[in-house]
Every structure is written in structure tokens, then in C-alpha cells.
Amino acid sequence: MKEETKKKISMRLRGRKKSATHRKHISQSLQALKKTKEHKEHLSASLKEYHKNNRVKSERDEKEKEHNKH
């Protein structure tokens, strides 16, 4: 597909809800792109925060289980 055609499609879809297949194609094309150093650092920080939050939740669940046993 020509770049001009891609730009026309992009402009027509701007601000509108994208279809599931369109979102899937966007996601697949983004996976092939090289990530910048800043992007990798941001992903790393986000994942660390995500796992930190999940660990806290699991510990909280363990405490609730212990509390319910007594």
C-alpha cells in the first residue's frame, strides 16, 4: 500500500472508533518497531510498579486468609 493511501485512511479514521481488526493490525505493526531507550526505560519502570502492586495485593490476600482462620 502506498504511503499516500495510508495517510488518507489515517485521516479519515482520526477521532473515530477503530475496528478490532484495525487495532490488531496497528498492534502487530508496532511490535516490529525498535523501541527507543526512553521507551524501554518507561516500560521497565511501569512493569516494576505493576509487579510491586501485585505483590502487595497477594500479601494482603495471605493476611486475610490467616485472619479468617482464627
N, C-alpha and C. Protein backbone atom coordinates (compact mmCIF):
# COMPACT_ATOMS: atom_id res chain seq x y z
N MET A 1 0.85 -1.18 0.00
CA MET A 1 0.00 0.00 0.00
C MET A 1 0.90 1.24 0.00
N LYS A 2 0.52 2.22 -0.79
CA LYS A 2 1.31 3.44 -0.89
C LYS A 2 1.17 4.27 0.38
N GLU A 3 2.21 5.05 0.66
CA GLU A 3 2.18 5.93 1.84
C GLU A 3 1.03 6.93 1.76
N GLU A 4 0.78 7.44 0.57
CA GLU A 4 -0.30 8.42 0.40
C GLU A 4 -1.65 7.81 0.78
N THR A 5 -1.87 6.55 0.38
CA THR A 5 -3.11 5.85 0.70
C THR A 5 -3.23 5.65 2.20
N LYS A 6 -2.14 5.25 2.85
CA LYS A 6 -2.14 5.06 4.31
C LYS A 6 -2.51 6.35 5.03
N LYS A 7 -1.95 7.46 4.55
CA LYS A 7 -2.24 8.75 5.19
C LYS A 7 -3.70 9.13 5.03
N LYS A 8 -4.27 8.86 3.84
CA LYS A 8 -5.69 9.17 3.61
C LYS A 8 -6.57 8.35 4.56
N ILE A 9 -6.26 7.07 4.70
CA ILE A 9 -7.03 6.20 5.60
C ILE A 9 -6.91 6.70 7.02
N SER A 10 -5.71 7.05 7.42
CA SER A 10 -5.47 7.53 8.77
C SER A 10 -6.26 8.80 9.05
N MET A 11 -6.27 9.72 8.10
CA MET A 11 -7.01 10.98 8.28
C MET A 11 -8.52 10.73 8.38
N ARG A 12 -9.04 9.79 7.61
CA ARG A 12 -10.48 9.50 7.65
C ARG A 12 -10.89 8.87 8.98
N LEU A 13 -9.97 8.08 9.59
CA LEU A 13 -10.31 7.38 10.82
C LEU A 13 -9.99 8.19 12.08
N ARG A 14 -9.34 9.33 11.92
CA ARG A 14 -8.96 10.12 13.08
C ARG A 14 -10.19 10.55 13.88
N GLY A 15 -10.17 10.25 15.17
CA GLY A 15 -11.27 10.63 16.06
C GLY A 15 -12.42 9.65 16.06
N ARG A 16 -12.35 8.60 15.27
CA ARG A 16 -13.43 7.60 15.22
C ARG A 16 -12.98 6.32 15.90
N LYS A 17 -13.93 5.52 16.29
CA LYS A 17 -13.63 4.23 16.89
C LYS A 17 -13.07 3.30 15.81
N LYS A 18 -11.95 2.65 16.11
CA LYS A 18 -11.32 1.74 15.15
C LYS A 18 -11.90 0.33 15.34
N SER A 19 -11.95 -0.42 14.26
CA SER A 19 -12.45 -1.80 14.34
C SER A 19 -11.42 -2.68 15.05
N ALA A 20 -11.86 -3.84 15.49
CA ALA A 20 -10.97 -4.76 16.20
C ALA A 20 -9.82 -5.21 15.30
N THR A 21 -10.10 -5.46 14.03
CA THR A 21 -9.02 -5.91 13.13
C THR A 21 -8.04 -4.78 12.88
N HIS A 22 -8.55 -3.54 12.79
CA HIS A 22 -7.67 -2.39 12.59
C HIS A 22 -6.73 -2.23 13.78
N ARG A 23 -7.29 -2.37 14.99
CA ARG A 23 -6.46 -2.26 16.20
C ARG A 23 -5.43 -3.37 16.24
N LYS A 24 -5.83 -4.58 15.82
CA LYS A 24 -4.91 -5.72 15.81
C LYS A 24 -3.76 -5.47 14.84
N HIS A 25 -4.07 -4.93 13.66
CA HIS A 25 -3.02 -4.65 12.68
C HIS A 25 -2.07 -3.56 13.18
N ILE A 26 -2.61 -2.54 13.84
CA ILE A 26 -1.77 -1.50 14.42
C ILE A 26 -0.84 -2.11 15.46
N SER A 27 -1.39 -2.94 16.34
CA SER A 27 -0.60 -3.58 17.38
C SER A 27 0.52 -4.43 16.79
N GLN A 28 0.19 -5.21 15.76
CA GLN A 28 1.20 -6.07 15.13
C GLN A 28 2.30 -5.26 14.48
N SER A 29 1.95 -4.15 13.85
CA SER A 29 2.98 -3.34 13.20
C SER A 29 3.86 -2.64 14.23
N LEU A 30 3.29 -2.28 15.38
CA LEU A 30 4.09 -1.63 16.41
C LEU A 30 5.07 -2.60 17.06
N GLN A 31 4.73 -3.89 17.09
CA GLN A 31 5.63 -4.87 17.69
C GLN A 31 6.93 -4.99 16.92
N ALA A 32 6.89 -4.74 15.62
CA ALA A 32 8.08 -4.88 14.79
C ALA A 32 9.02 -3.68 14.91
N LEU A 33 8.52 -2.55 15.44
CA LEU A 33 9.35 -1.36 15.55
C LEU A 33 10.37 -1.48 16.67
N LYS A 34 11.54 -0.90 16.44
CA LYS A 34 12.54 -0.84 17.51
C LYS A 34 12.11 0.20 18.52
N LYS A 35 12.25 -0.12 19.79
CA LYS A 35 11.88 0.82 20.84
C LYS A 35 13.07 1.71 21.19
N THR A 36 12.79 2.97 21.48
CA THR A 36 13.85 3.89 21.88
C THR A 36 14.28 3.58 23.31
N LYS A 37 15.41 4.11 23.69
CA LYS A 37 15.92 3.89 25.05
C LYS A 37 14.92 4.41 26.09
N GLU A 38 14.34 5.59 25.82
CA GLU A 38 13.38 6.17 26.75
C GLU A 38 12.14 5.29 26.88
N HIS A 39 11.70 4.73 25.75
CA HIS A 39 10.52 3.87 25.77
C HIS A 39 10.80 2.61 26.59
N LYS A 40 11.98 2.01 26.40
CA LYS A 40 12.34 0.81 27.15
C LYS A 40 12.40 1.10 28.65
N GLU A 41 12.98 2.27 29.00
CA GLU A 41 13.05 2.64 30.42
C GLU A 41 11.66 2.83 31.01
N HIS A 42 10.77 3.45 30.25
CA HIS A 42 9.40 3.67 30.73
C HIS A 42 8.68 2.34 30.91
N LEU A 43 8.84 1.42 29.96
CA LEU A 43 8.22 0.10 30.09
C LEU A 43 8.75 -0.63 31.31
N SER A 44 10.06 -0.55 31.52
CA SER A 44 10.67 -1.23 32.66
C SER A 44 10.11 -0.68 33.97
N ALA A 45 10.04 0.64 34.08
CA ALA A 45 9.51 1.26 35.29
C ALA A 45 8.05 0.88 35.51
N SER A 46 7.27 0.86 34.44
CA SER A 46 5.86 0.52 34.55
C SER A 46 5.67 -0.92 35.01
N LEU A 47 6.47 -1.82 34.45
CA LEU A 47 6.36 -3.23 34.84
C LEU A 47 6.78 -3.44 36.29
N LYS A 48 7.83 -2.74 36.72
CA LYS A 48 8.26 -2.86 38.11
C LYS A 48 7.15 -2.41 39.05
N GLU A 49 6.50 -1.29 38.71
CA GLU A 49 5.40 -0.77 39.52
C GLU A 49 4.23 -1.75 39.52
N TYR A 50 3.93 -2.31 38.36
CA TYR A 50 2.84 -3.28 38.23
C TYR A 50 3.09 -4.49 39.12
N HIS A 51 4.29 -5.05 39.06
CA HIS A 51 4.60 -6.23 39.86
C HIS A 51 4.66 -5.91 41.34
N LYS A 52 5.12 -4.71 41.68
CA LYS A 52 5.15 -4.30 43.08
C LYS A 52 3.74 -4.25 43.64
N ASN A 53 2.81 -3.69 42.87
CA ASN A 53 1.41 -3.60 43.31
C ASN A 53 0.79 -4.98 43.45
N ASN A 54 1.09 -5.88 42.53
CA ASN A 54 0.51 -7.22 42.60
C ASN A 54 1.06 -7.99 43.79
N ARG A 55 2.33 -7.80 44.11
CA ARG A 55 2.91 -8.49 45.25
C ARG A 55 2.22 -8.02 46.53
N VAL A 56 2.00 -6.74 46.64
CA VAL A 56 1.34 -6.20 47.83
C VAL A 56 -0.06 -6.79 47.96
N LYS A 57 -0.77 -6.90 46.83
CA LYS A 57 -2.12 -7.46 46.87
C LYS A 57 -2.09 -8.91 47.32
N SER A 58 -1.12 -9.69 46.83
CA SER A 58 -1.04 -11.10 47.22
C SER A 58 -0.73 -11.23 48.71
N GLU A 59 0.15 -10.35 49.21
CA GLU A 59 0.44 -10.38 50.65
C GLU A 59 -0.81 -10.02 51.44
N ARG A 60 -1.58 -9.08 50.94
CA ARG A 60 -2.81 -8.68 51.63
C ARG A 60 -3.78 -9.86 51.66
N ASP A 61 -3.87 -10.60 50.54
CA ASP A 61 -4.74 -11.77 50.50
C ASP A 61 -4.30 -12.83 51.50
N GLU A 62 -2.98 -13.03 51.63
CA GLU A 62 -2.47 -14.00 52.59
C GLU A 62 -2.83 -13.60 54.02
N LYS A 63 -2.72 -12.31 54.31
CA LYS A 63 -3.07 -11.83 55.65
C LYS A 63 -4.55 -12.05 55.94
N GLU A 64 -5.40 -11.83 54.92
CA GLU A 64 -6.84 -12.06 55.10
C GLU A 64 -7.13 -13.52 55.36
N LYS A 65 -6.45 -14.41 54.67
CA LYS A 65 -6.65 -15.84 54.87
C LYS A 65 -6.25 -16.24 56.29
N GLU A 66 -5.12 -15.71 56.75
CA GLU A 66 -4.67 -16.01 58.12
C GLU A 66 -5.68 -15.48 59.13
N HIS A 67 -6.19 -14.29 58.89
CA HIS A 67 -7.14 -13.66 59.80
C HIS A 67 -8.45 -14.47 59.85
N ASN A 68 -8.87 -14.97 58.70
CA ASN A 68 -10.13 -15.74 58.65
C ASN A 68 -9.99 -17.12 59.29
N LYS A 69 -8.79 -17.66 59.39
CA LYS A 69 -8.57 -18.95 60.02
C LYS A 69 -8.81 -18.87 61.52
N HIS A 70 -8.49 -17.73 62.14
CA HIS A 70 -8.59 -17.61 63.60
C HIS A 70 -9.97 -17.34 64.06
